[in-house]
Structure formats: C-alpha cells, structure tokens
Amino acid sequence: PDFLAIGARRGTSPPEESRGAYFLGKALWAKGYGELIDLVTSKAFASALPGERIACYGSGPDLDAISAKAEATGASLDFYGAIDHAHDSMFDFQVFVNPSTSEVLCTATAEALAMGKVAVIAEHPSNQFFKSFRNARFFSTAEEFVQELKAALEAEPEPLDPVERYTLSWEAATERIIDASAMADGSTRQGDKA
C-alpha cells in the first residue's frame, strides 16, 4: 500500500469525524499490550480521558490472554481482528498509540505517520527515528501518555511537510541502508587483499 498517498488524501480530505485512537500490532505481549493495559487503567487516564476507548487491531497467540487481562482490569480497550493498516476503515482514526519498546524500528508507527496520523509512542531509543516528525508525540510515564494522547485527540494532525514525506519514502530508506552498509575509507572486507 502507498501510505504516503493515503496521507496526502487525508491532508486534502480529512475525515468528517475522527474515530479517536487505535493500536495495531500482532497480539503478543512483547508488542506492548501489557504496557497499554497499564496505561489505560492508570488513574491519570481515568481522570483525564473518562469514556475514551482505544481500538486494538491484531491477532496472534497471546490474544486470548491479552483480552482476558484487559477485561479483568477494566482496561478501556476494544479488540478487533487483524486488519491491513491501509484498509479504508482505518482512515478515520486520528491517533495511533504504540507503547512497545521491543522494535528496532516500528513499521506500523512509520505507516501511521505517513498516513497523516499522530503517533503517541514511548520515549525509547527504538523510536529515535521519529523524533523529527511533528506528529510524533513521546511519553515516559502514564501521566505523559495521557497528556500527549489528550492533546493528539483534540488537535488536527499536521500535514506532512516535504522533508517528512521524503524521510518516509522508499528512496530515503534505501539511501539510509546504503549509508549504513558503507565501509569506512581504507577498510577491507574479510577475504579481500589489503
């Protein structure tokens, strides 16, 4: 899917009414579901965002256990099956939340930003790449999560500027891979003659 094209469409034809916040990821504890449950059952969440619910999309081996814990704790989460991030039904969501810190670089976060959404993500080295994006909001505590989520739900996402669009393109990704794999001047590969 062309996530940047979806973002361009969102910039020119925003949804009439936002569906709020969502999380999309394989249903594994390692993907941040435990952290998400803790965040939405915090006193800060209940106080600042009463009645707010987060839609969770995904399937996987831990789904039943995750759903059971969410229900047992009264977490403000609704679970739906797996869905393609570019599916038309995802267009109306304004905010992507992702408390995971297990990724090297979360592609779902990059996709959400490319689609013109606000991403509320954990302050963590794995999310360093997203620091330059105006629609990326970071948190370290439950209170910061609530503050950033509330602000994201109350404001329209900024359209991607040309630099942000380029940074999320395949061309820029390819350049980063080439740069990362480049050998330092004067170095040799194993097996090469010096």
Protein backbone atom coordinates (compact mmCIF):
# COMPACT_ATOMS: atom_id res chain seq x y z
CA PRO A 1 0.00 0.00 0.00
CA ASP A 2 1.05 3.56 -0.61
CA PHE A 3 0.81 5.04 2.87
CA LEU A 4 2.10 8.42 1.70
CA ALA A 5 -0.74 8.62 -0.85
CA ILE A 6 -3.22 7.86 1.93
CA GLY A 7 -1.65 10.65 3.97
CA ALA A 8 -1.91 13.06 1.05
CA ARG A 9 -5.60 12.18 0.68
CA ARG A 10 -6.13 12.70 4.41
CA GLY A 11 -4.45 16.11 4.12
CA THR A 12 -6.81 17.27 1.38
CA SER A 13 -9.95 15.39 2.51
CA PRO A 14 -9.80 14.82 6.27
CA PRO A 15 -12.47 12.64 7.84
CA GLU A 16 -15.58 14.49 8.94
CA GLU A 17 -15.29 12.96 12.40
CA SER A 18 -12.30 11.22 13.93
CA ARG A 19 -12.71 7.74 15.37
CA GLY A 20 -10.14 8.52 18.06
CA ALA A 21 -7.14 6.35 18.91
CA TYR A 22 -6.06 2.86 17.93
CA PHE A 23 -3.25 0.35 18.35
CA LEU A 24 -2.31 -2.08 15.60
CA GLY A 25 0.07 -4.96 16.16
CA LYS A 26 0.41 -8.71 16.40
CA ALA A 27 -1.24 -9.94 19.59
CA LEU A 28 1.94 -10.72 21.52
CA TRP A 29 2.78 -9.43 24.98
CA ALA A 30 6.16 -8.33 23.60
CA LYS A 31 4.41 -5.85 21.27
CA GLY A 32 3.39 -3.60 24.18
CA TYR A 33 -0.07 -4.85 25.13
CA GLY A 34 0.84 -5.17 28.81
CA GLU A 35 2.12 -1.61 28.83
CA LEU A 36 -1.00 -0.41 27.01
CA ILE A 37 -3.26 -2.08 29.57
CA ASP A 38 -1.27 -0.43 32.38
CA LEU A 39 -1.54 2.98 30.69
CA VAL A 40 -5.31 2.89 30.13
CA THR A 41 -6.00 1.58 33.64
CA SER A 42 -3.95 4.34 35.27
CA LYS A 43 -5.60 6.94 37.49
CA ALA A 44 -4.34 9.62 35.10
CA PHE A 45 -6.23 8.04 32.17
CA ALA A 46 -9.46 7.61 34.14
CA SER A 47 -9.28 11.20 35.36
CA ALA A 48 -8.34 12.99 32.12
CA LEU A 49 -9.98 10.77 29.49
CA PRO A 50 -13.15 9.29 31.02
CA GLY A 51 -15.05 7.23 28.50
CA GLU A 52 -12.19 7.25 25.96
CA ARG A 53 -11.51 3.81 24.47
CA ILE A 54 -8.68 2.61 22.27
CA ALA A 55 -9.38 0.20 19.42
CA CYS A 56 -6.86 -2.64 19.17
CA TYR A 57 -6.32 -4.45 15.87
CA GLY A 58 -4.35 -7.65 15.57
CA SER A 59 -4.32 -11.38 16.00
CA GLY A 60 -1.80 -13.74 17.46
CA PRO A 61 -1.07 -16.41 20.03
CA ASP A 62 -1.48 -14.12 23.06
CA LEU A 63 -4.80 -12.55 22.03
CA ASP A 64 -6.98 -14.54 24.44
CA ALA A 65 -4.69 -13.81 27.40
CA ILE A 66 -4.39 -10.13 26.46
CA SER A 67 -8.17 -9.77 26.07
CA ALA A 68 -8.76 -11.57 29.37
CA LYS A 69 -6.35 -9.31 31.26
CA ALA A 70 -7.87 -6.21 29.65
CA GLU A 71 -11.35 -7.32 30.68
CA ALA A 72 -10.27 -8.30 34.20
CA THR A 73 -8.62 -4.92 34.78
CA GLY A 74 -11.38 -2.86 33.17
CA ALA A 75 -8.98 -1.56 30.52
CA SER A 76 -10.54 0.89 28.07
CA LEU A 77 -9.65 -1.28 25.09
CA ASP A 78 -11.79 -2.80 22.35
CA PHE A 79 -10.34 -5.75 20.43
CA TYR A 80 -10.85 -6.38 16.74
CA GLY A 81 -9.20 -8.85 14.43
CA ALA A 82 -6.20 -8.32 12.24
CA ILE A 83 -6.56 -5.70 9.54
CA ASP A 84 -4.34 -4.15 6.92
CA HIS A 85 -3.17 -0.76 8.16
CA ALA A 86 -4.15 0.77 4.81
CA HIS A 87 -7.72 -0.59 4.92
CA ASP A 88 -10.34 2.11 4.27
CA SER A 89 -11.90 1.54 7.70
CA MET A 90 -8.67 2.81 9.33
CA PHE A 91 -8.81 6.17 7.53
CA ASP A 92 -10.97 7.93 10.13
CA PHE A 93 -8.64 7.21 13.04
CA GLN A 94 -6.64 10.27 14.02
CA VAL A 95 -4.22 8.86 16.61
CA PHE A 96 -2.02 5.77 16.62
CA VAL A 97 -0.73 4.70 20.03
CA ASN A 98 2.20 2.36 20.47
CA PRO A 99 3.79 1.75 23.87
CA SER A 100 6.05 -1.01 22.53
CA THR A 101 9.78 -0.80 23.09
CA SER A 102 10.61 -4.16 21.51
CA GLU A 103 11.02 -2.96 17.94
CA VAL A 104 14.20 -1.80 16.27
CA LEU A 105 12.01 0.48 14.18
CA CYS A 106 8.25 0.02 14.25
CA THR A 107 6.88 -0.06 10.73
CA ALA A 108 3.30 0.48 12.00
CA THR A 109 4.41 3.80 13.52
CA ALA A 110 6.06 4.83 10.23
CA GLU A 111 2.90 3.83 8.34
CA ALA A 112 0.68 5.83 10.71
CA LEU A 113 2.83 8.94 10.34
CA ALA A 114 2.89 8.51 6.55
CA MET A 115 -0.92 8.32 6.60
CA GLY A 116 -1.08 11.71 8.33
CA LYS A 117 -1.94 10.48 11.81
CA VAL A 118 -0.49 11.49 15.14
CA ALA A 119 1.62 8.77 16.76
CA VAL A 120 1.80 8.66 20.55
CA ILE A 121 4.82 6.48 21.24
CA ALA A 122 7.17 5.54 24.03
CA GLU A 123 10.28 7.61 24.70
CA HIS A 124 12.82 4.94 23.81
CA PRO A 125 15.93 4.53 21.61
CA SER A 126 13.88 2.39 19.20
CA ASN A 127 11.74 5.45 18.44
CA GLN A 128 14.62 7.88 17.91
CA PHE A 129 13.98 7.88 14.14
CA PHE A 130 10.58 9.51 14.71
CA LYS A 131 11.89 12.46 16.77
CA SER A 132 11.95 14.80 13.75
CA PHE A 133 8.25 14.27 12.91
CA ARG A 134 5.85 16.95 14.10
CA ASN A 135 3.05 14.40 14.53
CA ALA A 136 5.12 12.13 16.79
CA ARG A 137 4.42 12.61 20.49
CA PHE A 138 6.52 10.89 23.13
CA PHE A 139 5.84 9.72 26.68
CA SER A 140 7.77 8.13 29.52
CA THR A 141 5.07 7.91 32.19
CA ALA A 142 1.35 7.23 32.35
CA GLU A 143 0.77 10.91 33.05
CA GLU A 144 2.75 11.92 29.95
CA PHE A 145 0.90 9.31 27.87
CA VAL A 146 -2.44 10.78 28.93
CA GLN A 147 -1.25 14.35 28.31
CA GLU A 148 0.04 13.51 24.81
CA LEU A 149 -2.98 11.39 23.89
CA LYS A 150 -5.41 14.06 25.06
CA ALA A 151 -3.58 16.75 23.06
CA ALA A 152 -3.46 14.49 19.99
CA LEU A 153 -7.19 13.77 20.17
CA GLU A 154 -8.03 17.47 20.49
CA ALA A 155 -5.95 18.78 17.58
CA GLU A 156 -5.83 18.01 13.89
CA PRO A 157 -2.64 16.27 12.73
CA GLU A 158 -0.18 18.46 10.83
CA PRO A 159 0.11 17.56 7.13
CA LEU A 160 3.50 16.04 6.33
CA ASP A 161 5.96 18.60 5.08
CA PRO A 162 8.21 17.73 2.09
CA VAL A 163 11.13 16.66 4.29
CA GLU A 164 8.92 14.37 6.39
CA ARG A 165 7.36 12.88 3.24
CA TYR A 166 10.79 12.23 1.76
CA THR A 167 12.11 10.73 5.02
CA LEU A 168 9.28 8.15 4.92
CA SER A 169 9.82 7.28 1.24
CA TRP A 170 11.41 4.09 -0.08
CA GLU A 171 14.06 6.24 -1.75
CA ALA A 172 15.17 7.71 1.58
CA ALA A 173 15.04 4.27 3.24
CA THR A 174 17.26 2.84 0.52
CA GLU A 175 19.73 5.69 0.97
CA ARG A 176 19.85 5.02 4.73
CA ILE A 177 20.57 1.34 4.09
CA ILE A 178 23.35 2.18 1.64
CA ASP A 179 24.84 4.70 4.06
CA ALA A 180 24.68 2.22 6.94
CA SER A 181 26.36 -0.51 4.92
CA ALA A 182 29.13 1.69 3.52
CA MET A 183 32.61 0.76 4.64
CA ALA A 184 34.89 3.32 6.19
CA ASP A 185 37.65 4.63 3.93
CA GLY A 186 40.67 2.34 3.98
CA SER A 187 38.84 -0.66 5.41
CA THR A 188 38.72 -4.02 3.65
CA ARG A 189 36.22 -6.84 3.60
CA GLN A 190 37.16 -10.20 5.04
CA GLY A 191 38.89 -12.15 2.28
CA ASP A 192 39.91 -9.01 0.31
CA LYS A 193 43.58 -8.44 -0.21
CA ALA A 194 44.88 -5.40 1.59
